[in-house]
Amino acid sequence: WTSWNGYNTHYLCDIFFLTKNREIVLVDVTGLDTDDQVTKKVNKHVRFMRKIAGNKKMAQKFKWRSVVLAPGLKGKDTVEVPEEARKSIRVIQGRAARGYLRGLQQIYRYTRQFEDEEDEEGKEDG
């Protein structure tokens, strides 16, 4: 964990989840917008995957995957993932990454409904 503005954050990913197939998927959403910057980010994931592979307990218990979403990076497939990591790390960039992130709008709308309900209750009380 690292700290950012007083909040604890994971140093590698923004979101992670466990699939029913015992895969842990790390999702890293980055605002970086150059190939070099995103390549450095991918290399952090490669190093992490190497550490996991060296930890027999973690490597046997789960299958690990990383997805780097780079919505600000134009083009398609401009960032090279090292061959050793291509089965476990994916980079999705540009329009495709923005498409995946659009689903978060649904979560935002879902949480807004609770705020709207609280506003209505406050009007009734006052």
Foldseek 3Di string as FASTA:
>chain_A
DDDDPRDDDDPQAHDWDADPQQEIEGEHEDQDADLVVVLVSLVVVVVVVVVQVVVVVNVVRGHYAYEYEHQNHDDAPPHDRPPVCPVHYYYHYHPRSVVVVVVVVVVVVVVVVVVVVVVVVVVVVD
